[in-house]
C-alpha atoms as a PDB file:
ATOM      1  CA  UNK A   1     121.352 115.710 136.050  1.00  0.00           C
ATOM      2  CA  UNK A   2     119.676 112.226 135.831  1.00  0.00           C
ATOM      3  CA  UNK A   3     121.752 110.457 133.376  1.00  0.00           C
ATOM      4  CA  UNK A   4     118.521 108.751 132.015  1.00  0.00           C
ATOM      5  CA  UNK A   5     117.216 112.143 130.706  1.00  0.00           C
ATOM      6  CA  UNK A   6     120.520 113.157 129.055  1.00  0.00           C
ATOM      7  CA  UNK A   7     120.599 109.553 127.453  1.00  0.00           C
ATOM      8  CA  UNK A   8     117.372 109.861 126.331  1.00  0.00           C
ATOM      9  CA  UNK A   9     117.359 113.282 125.160  1.00  0.00           C
ATOM     10  CA  UNK A  10     120.988 112.199 122.930  1.00  0.00           C
ATOM     11  CA  UNK A  11     119.123 108.982 121.824  1.00  0.00           C
ATOM     12  CA  UNK A  12     115.371 110.306 121.106  1.00  0.00           C
ATOM     13  CA  UNK A  13     116.112 113.937 119.959  1.00  0.00           C
ATOM     14  CA  UNK A  14     119.675 113.602 118.440  1.00  0.00           C
ATOM     15  CA  UNK A  15     120.838 116.349 120.824  1.00  0.00           C
ATOM     16  CA  UNK A  16     122.450 117.090 124.104  1.00  0.00           C
ATOM     17  CA  UNK A  17     120.269 117.874 126.938  1.00  0.00           C
ATOM     18  CA  UNK A  18     121.621 121.586 127.726  1.00  0.00           C
ATOM     19  CA  UNK A  19     120.781 122.121 124.010  1.00  0.00           C
ATOM     20  CA  UNK A  20     117.204 121.929 124.641  1.00  0.00           C
ATOM     21  CA  UNK A  21     114.190 124.732 125.707  1.00  0.00           C
ATOM     22  CA  UNK A  22     112.783 124.242 129.003  1.00  0.00           C
ATOM     23  CA  UNK A  23     109.409 123.178 127.639  1.00  0.00           C
ATOM     24  CA  UNK A  24     111.608 120.100 126.111  1.00  0.00           C
ATOM     25  CA  UNK A  25     113.672 119.503 129.043  1.00  0.00           C
ATOM     26  CA  UNK A  26     110.298 119.553 131.211  1.00  0.00           C
ATOM     27  CA  UNK A  27     108.543 117.098 128.591  1.00  0.00           C
ATOM     28  CA  UNK A  28     111.939 114.954 128.814  1.00  0.00           C
ATOM     29  CA  UNK A  29     111.808 114.836 132.698  1.00  0.00           C
ATOM     30  CA  UNK A  30     108.247 113.893 132.562  1.00  0.00           C
ATOM     31  CA  UNK A  31     109.056 110.823 130.116  1.00  0.00           C
ATOM     32  CA  UNK A  32     111.483 109.691 132.201  1.00  0.00           C
ATOM     33  CA  UNK A  33     109.476 109.392 135.125  1.00  0.00           C
ATOM     34  CA  UNK A  34     106.857 107.940 133.420  1.00  0.00           C
ATOM     35  CA  UNK A  35     104.314 111.302 134.367  1.00  0.00           C
ATOM     36  CA  UNK A  36     101.160 112.686 132.833  1.00  0.00           C
ATOM     37  CA  UNK A  37     101.898 115.873 131.098  1.00  0.00           C
ATOM     38  CA  UNK A  38      98.416 116.847 129.708  1.00  0.00           C
ATOM     39  CA  UNK A  39      96.274 119.365 131.803  1.00  0.00           C
ATOM     40  CA  UNK A  40      93.086 120.845 131.770  1.00  0.00           C
ATOM     41  CA  UNK A  41      94.232 124.542 130.564  1.00  0.00           C
ATOM     42  CA  UNK A  42      90.455 125.992 131.043  1.00  0.00           C
ATOM     43  CA  UNK A  43      91.225 125.113 135.117  1.00  0.00           C
ATOM     44  CA  UNK A  44      94.748 126.699 135.083  1.00  0.00           C
ATOM     45  CA  UNK A  45      93.997 129.623 133.293  1.00  0.00           C
ATOM     46  CA  UNK A  46      91.035 130.308 135.148  1.00  0.00           C
ATOM     47  CA  UNK A  47      92.611 130.353 138.651  1.00  0.00           C
ATOM     48  CA  UNK A  48      94.767 133.554 137.461  1.00  0.00           C
ATOM     49  CA  UNK A  49      91.709 135.660 136.414  1.00  0.00           C
ATOM     50  CA  UNK A  50      91.277 138.604 138.806  1.00  0.00           C
ATOM     51  CA  UNK A  51      87.420 139.272 139.418  1.00  0.00           C
ATOM     52  CA  UNK A  52      87.897 142.244 136.864  1.00  0.00           C
ATOM     53  CA  UNK A  53      88.620 139.986 134.259  1.00  0.00           C
ATOM     54  CA  UNK A  54      86.065 137.567 135.274  1.00  0.00           C
ATOM     55  CA  UNK A  55      83.262 140.297 134.798  1.00  0.00           C
ATOM     56  CA  UNK A  56      84.676 141.663 131.804  1.00  0.00           C
ATOM     57  CA  UNK A  57      84.267 138.224 130.296  1.00  0.00           C
ATOM     58  CA  UNK A  58      80.766 137.829 131.664  1.00  0.00           C
ATOM     59  CA  UNK A  59      79.726 140.887 129.669  1.00  0.00           C
ATOM     60  CA  UNK A  60      81.146 139.923 126.429  1.00  0.00           C
ATOM     61  CA  UNK A  61      79.844 137.400 126.589  1.00  0.00           C
ATOM     62  CA  UNK A  62      76.605 138.646 127.045  1.00  0.00           C
ATOM     63  CA  UNK A  63      77.167 141.732 124.817  1.00  0.00           C
ATOM     64  CA  UNK A  64      77.851 138.552 122.150  1.00  0.00           C
ATOM     65  CA  UNK A  65      74.796 137.053 122.422  1.00  0.00           C
ATOM     66  CA  UNK A  66      71.060 136.725 121.356  1.00  0.00           C
ATOM     67  CA  UNK A  67      69.613 137.316 124.636  1.00  0.00           C
ATOM     68  CA  UNK A  68      71.527 140.809 124.083  1.00  0.00           C
ATOM     69  CA  UNK A  69      70.364 141.699 120.686  1.00  0.00           C
ATOM     70  CA  UNK A  70      66.525 140.946 121.438  1.00  0.00           C
ATOM     71  CA  UNK A  71      66.773 142.844 124.822  1.00  0.00           C
ATOM     72  CA  UNK A  72      68.723 145.435 123.288  1.00  0.00           C
ATOM     73  CA  UNK A  73      66.442 145.725 120.480  1.00  0.00           C
ATOM     74  CA  UNK A  74      63.402 145.851 122.293  1.00  0.00           C
ATOM     75  CA  UNK A  75      64.843 148.715 124.859  1.00  0.00           C
ATOM     76  CA  UNK A  76      65.412 150.743 121.655  1.00  0.00           C
ATOM     77  CA  UNK A  77      61.965 150.424 120.281  1.00  0.00           C
ATOM     78  CA  UNK A  78      60.239 151.275 123.618  1.00  0.00           C
ATOM     79  CA  UNK A  79      62.699 154.289 123.788  1.00  0.00           C
ATOM     80  CA  UNK A  80      61.810 155.112 120.446  1.00  0.00           C
ATOM     81  CA  UNK A  81      57.744 154.348 120.701  1.00  0.00           C
ATOM     82  CA  UNK A  82      57.998 156.281 124.258  1.00  0.00           C
ATOM     83  CA  UNK A  83      59.762 159.107 122.950  1.00  0.00           C
ATOM     84  CA  UNK A  84      57.167 159.481 119.602  1.00  0.00           C
ATOM     85  CA  UNK A  85      54.198 158.456 121.482  1.00  0.00           C
ATOM     86  CA  UNK A  86      55.186 161.130 123.855  1.00  0.00           C
ATOM     87  CA  UNK A  87      55.456 163.864 121.328  1.00  0.00           C
ATOM     88  CA  UNK A  88      51.603 164.118 121.197  1.00  0.00           C
ATOM     89  CA  UNK A  89      51.391 165.069 125.189  1.00  0.00           C
ATOM     90  CA  UNK A  90      54.732 166.772 125.025  1.00  0.00           C
ATOM     91  CA  UNK A  91      55.667 164.779 127.776  1.00  0.00           C
ATOM     92  CA  UNK A  92      59.009 163.405 126.148  1.00  0.00           C
ATOM     93  CA  UNK A  93      62.450 162.960 127.419  1.00  0.00           C
ATOM     94  CA  UNK A  94      64.234 162.762 124.004  1.00  0.00           C
ATOM     95  CA  UNK A  95      62.108 164.213 120.982  1.00  0.00           C
ATOM     96  CA  UNK A  96      63.260 162.718 117.259  1.00  0.00           C
ATOM     97  CA  UNK A  97      66.035 162.729 116.247  1.00  0.00           C
ATOM     98  CA  UNK A  98      67.043 161.282 119.595  1.00  0.00           C
ATOM     99  CA  UNK A  99      70.166 163.012 120.200  1.00  0.00           C
ATOM    100  CA  UNK A 100      70.236 161.579 123.801  1.00  0.00           C
ATOM    101  CA  UNK A 101      69.455 158.214 122.578  1.00  0.00           C
ATOM    102  CA  UNK A 102      72.668 158.502 120.541  1.00  0.00           C
ATOM    103  CA  UNK A 103      74.646 159.390 123.755  1.00  0.00           C
ATOM    104  CA  UNK A 104      73.545 156.499 125.474  1.00  0.00           C
ATOM    105  CA  UNK A 105      74.643 154.470 122.648  1.00  0.00           C
ATOM    106  CA  UNK A 106      78.075 155.844 121.779  1.00  0.00           C
ATOM    107  CA  UNK A 107      78.482 155.320 125.509  1.00  0.00           C
ATOM    108  CA  UNK A 108      77.835 151.633 125.644  1.00  0.00           C
ATOM    109  CA  UNK A 109      79.432 151.653 122.310  1.00  0.00           C
ATOM    110  CA  UNK A 110      82.650 153.089 124.079  1.00  0.00           C
ATOM    111  CA  UNK A 111      82.621 151.100 127.279  1.00  0.00           C
ATOM    112  CA  UNK A 112      81.570 147.728 125.352  1.00  0.00           C
ATOM    113  CA  UNK A 113      84.524 147.413 122.881  1.00  0.00           C
ATOM    114  CA  UNK A 114      87.408 147.665 125.051  1.00  0.00           C
ATOM    115  CA  UNK A 115      85.482 145.354 127.526  1.00  0.00           C
ATOM    116  CA  UNK A 116      85.029 142.968 124.593  1.00  0.00           C
ATOM    117  CA  UNK A 117      88.980 143.526 123.463  1.00  0.00           C
ATOM    118  CA  UNK A 118      90.362 142.565 126.761  1.00  0.00           C
ATOM    119  CA  UNK A 119      88.129 139.284 127.387  1.00  0.00           C
ATOM    120  CA  UNK A 120      89.389 138.686 123.173  1.00  0.00           C
ATOM    121  CA  UNK A 121      92.875 139.088 124.320  1.00  0.00           C
ATOM    122  CA  UNK A 122      92.482 136.937 127.480  1.00  0.00           C
ATOM    123  CA  UNK A 123      91.041 134.134 125.082  1.00  0.00           C
ATOM    124  CA  UNK A 124      94.272 134.715 123.145  1.00  0.00           C
ATOM    125  CA  UNK A 125      96.481 133.998 125.607  1.00  0.00           C
ATOM    126  CA  UNK A 126      94.373 131.263 126.934  1.00  0.00           C
ATOM    127  CA  UNK A 127      94.683 129.714 123.110  1.00  0.00           C
ATOM    128  CA  UNK A 128      98.653 130.274 123.733  1.00  0.00           C
ATOM    129  CA  UNK A 129      98.631 128.403 126.493  1.00  0.00           C
ATOM    130  CA  UNK A 130      96.630 125.170 125.303  1.00  0.00           C
ATOM    131  CA  UNK A 131      98.956 125.069 122.198  1.00  0.00           C
ATOM    132  CA  UNK A 132     101.870 124.996 124.188  1.00  0.00           C
ATOM    133  CA  UNK A 133      99.954 122.630 126.468  1.00  0.00           C
ATOM    134  CA  UNK A 134      99.444 120.953 123.231  1.00  0.00           C
ATOM    135  CA  UNK A 135     102.894 120.947 122.029  1.00  0.00           C
ATOM    136  CA  UNK A 136     104.147 119.252 125.163  1.00  0.00           C
ATOM    137  CA  UNK A 137     101.581 116.572 124.956  1.00  0.00           C
ATOM    138  CA  UNK A 138     103.074 116.200 121.290  1.00  0.00           C
ATOM    139  CA  UNK A 139     106.565 116.050 122.076  1.00  0.00           C
ATOM    140  CA  UNK A 140     106.008 113.697 124.819  1.00  0.00           C
ATOM    141  CA  UNK A 141     103.322 111.360 122.619  1.00  0.00           C
ATOM    142  CA  UNK A 142     106.248 111.272 119.943  1.00  0.00           C
ATOM    143  CA  UNK A 143     108.857 110.437 121.981  1.00  0.00           C
ATOM    144  CA  UNK A 144     107.250 107.556 123.820  1.00  0.00           C
ATOM    145  CA  UNK A 145     106.410 106.504 120.230  1.00  0.00           C
ATOM    146  CA  UNK A 146     110.092 106.829 119.317  1.00  0.00           C
ATOM    147  CA  UNK A 147     111.175 104.722 122.513  1.00  0.00           C
ATOM    148  CA  UNK A 148     108.323 101.832 121.790  1.00  0.00           C
ATOM    149  CA  UNK A 149     109.782 101.724 118.479  1.00  0.00           C
ATOM    150  CA  UNK A 150     113.231 101.092 119.346  1.00  0.00           C
ATOM    151  CA  UNK A 151     112.500  98.603 122.046  1.00  0.00           C
ATOM    152  CA  UNK A 152     110.326  96.737 119.363  1.00  0.00           C
ATOM    153  CA  UNK A 153     113.622  97.109 117.150  1.00  0.00           C
ATOM    154  CA  UNK A 154     115.251  95.405 119.882  1.00  0.00           C
ATOM    155  CA  UNK A 155     113.217  92.663 120.410  1.00  0.00           C
ATOM    156  CA  UNK A 156     113.161  91.886 116.454  1.00  0.00           C
ATOM    157  CA  UNK A 157     116.850  91.936 116.222  1.00  0.00           C
ATOM    158  CA  UNK A 158     117.165  89.628 119.092  1.00  0.00           C
ATOM    159  CA  UNK A 159     114.764  87.156 117.740  1.00  0.00           C
ATOM    160  CA  UNK A 160     116.717  87.292 114.258  1.00  0.00           C
ATOM    161  CA  UNK A 161     120.031  86.876 116.073  1.00  0.00           C
ATOM    162  CA  UNK A 162     118.088  83.834 117.414  1.00  0.00           C
ATOM    163  CA  UNK A 163     116.778  82.209 114.576  1.00  0.00           C
ATOM    164  CA  UNK A 164     120.019  83.331 112.441  1.00  0.00           C
ATOM    165  CA  UNK A 165     121.709  80.902 115.258  1.00  0.00           C
ATOM    166  CA  UNK A 166     119.164  78.349 115.270  1.00  0.00           C
ATOM    167  CA  UNK A 167     119.397  78.197 111.293  1.00  0.00           C
ATOM    168  CA  UNK A 168     123.446  78.030 111.665  1.00  0.00           C
ATOM    169  CA  UNK A 169     123.472  75.289 114.177  1.00  0.00           C
ATOM    170  CA  UNK A 170     120.556  73.685 111.604  1.00  0.00           C
ATOM    171  CA  UNK A 171     123.072  74.005 108.595  1.00  0.00           C
ATOM    172  CA  UNK A 172     126.252  72.557 110.818  1.00  0.00           C
ATOM    173  CA  UNK A 173     123.870  69.274 111.581  1.00  0.00           C
ATOM    174  CA  UNK A 174     122.855  69.179 107.875  1.00  0.00           C
ATOM    175  CA  UNK A 175     126.734  69.120 107.023  1.00  0.00           C
ATOM    176  CA  UNK A 176     127.437  66.582 109.417  1.00  0.00           C
ATOM    177  CA  UNK A 177     124.572  64.635 108.210  1.00  0.00           C
ATOM    178  CA  UNK A 178     125.442  64.713 104.369  1.00  0.00           C
ATOM    179  CA  UNK A 179     129.589  64.077 105.400  1.00  0.00           C
ATOM    180  CA  UNK A 180     128.250  60.568 107.282  1.00  0.00           C
ATOM    181  CA  UNK A 181     125.898  59.817 104.347  1.00  0.00           C
ATOM    182  CA  UNK A 182     128.635  60.524 101.430  1.00  0.00           C
ATOM    183  CA  UNK A 183     130.395  56.980 100.631  1.00  0.00           C
ATOM    184  CA  UNK A 184     133.973  57.391 101.161  1.00  0.00           C
ATOM    185  CA  UNK A 185     135.913  57.057  97.943  1.00  0.00           C
ATOM    186  CA  UNK A 186     137.404  53.469  96.966  1.00  0.00           C
ATOM    187  CA  UNK A 187     141.102  53.320  97.808  1.00  0.00           C
ATOM    188  CA  UNK A 188     141.944  50.149  96.224  1.00  0.00           C
ATOM    189  CA  UNK A 189     142.646  50.722  92.798  1.00  0.00           C
END
């Protein structure tokens, strides 16, 4: 274990390195190495998706769009009109009350609902991954800021010490000048 990382943990987080969670240790290692911690969560998440998951996301994206609503409304209207107009010629597939249409709609809802839920679950997992990444980035930023504060405090402390030393020298010089300028008392009485 690098001593620099342990010292960072103790100095900045006021705790031992071994007491930290794994992601906090990872952040400290990156702070010590001066390596970036932010990453594109979308790319990382997309790499792990299977073909079925990507298809479910595309179905859910289309199923939750205005395009789907418009196309679906047009298909429903066409179905109803064709079966209603076909009623006059008795050449219809699904007479009123459109029981076959209800069956198709029920099957569509039965398939579409789980697909949308799977997509939402993946989005929630992606959000958790993004939140974990945000935490690490924020922690690193906070540690870097604390480190900068310490450096600035050290610089100020050194400046103050130098200023006090110069003032002390000036006071001593003034005392010597005052002693030289003060007349010596007459001892000839």
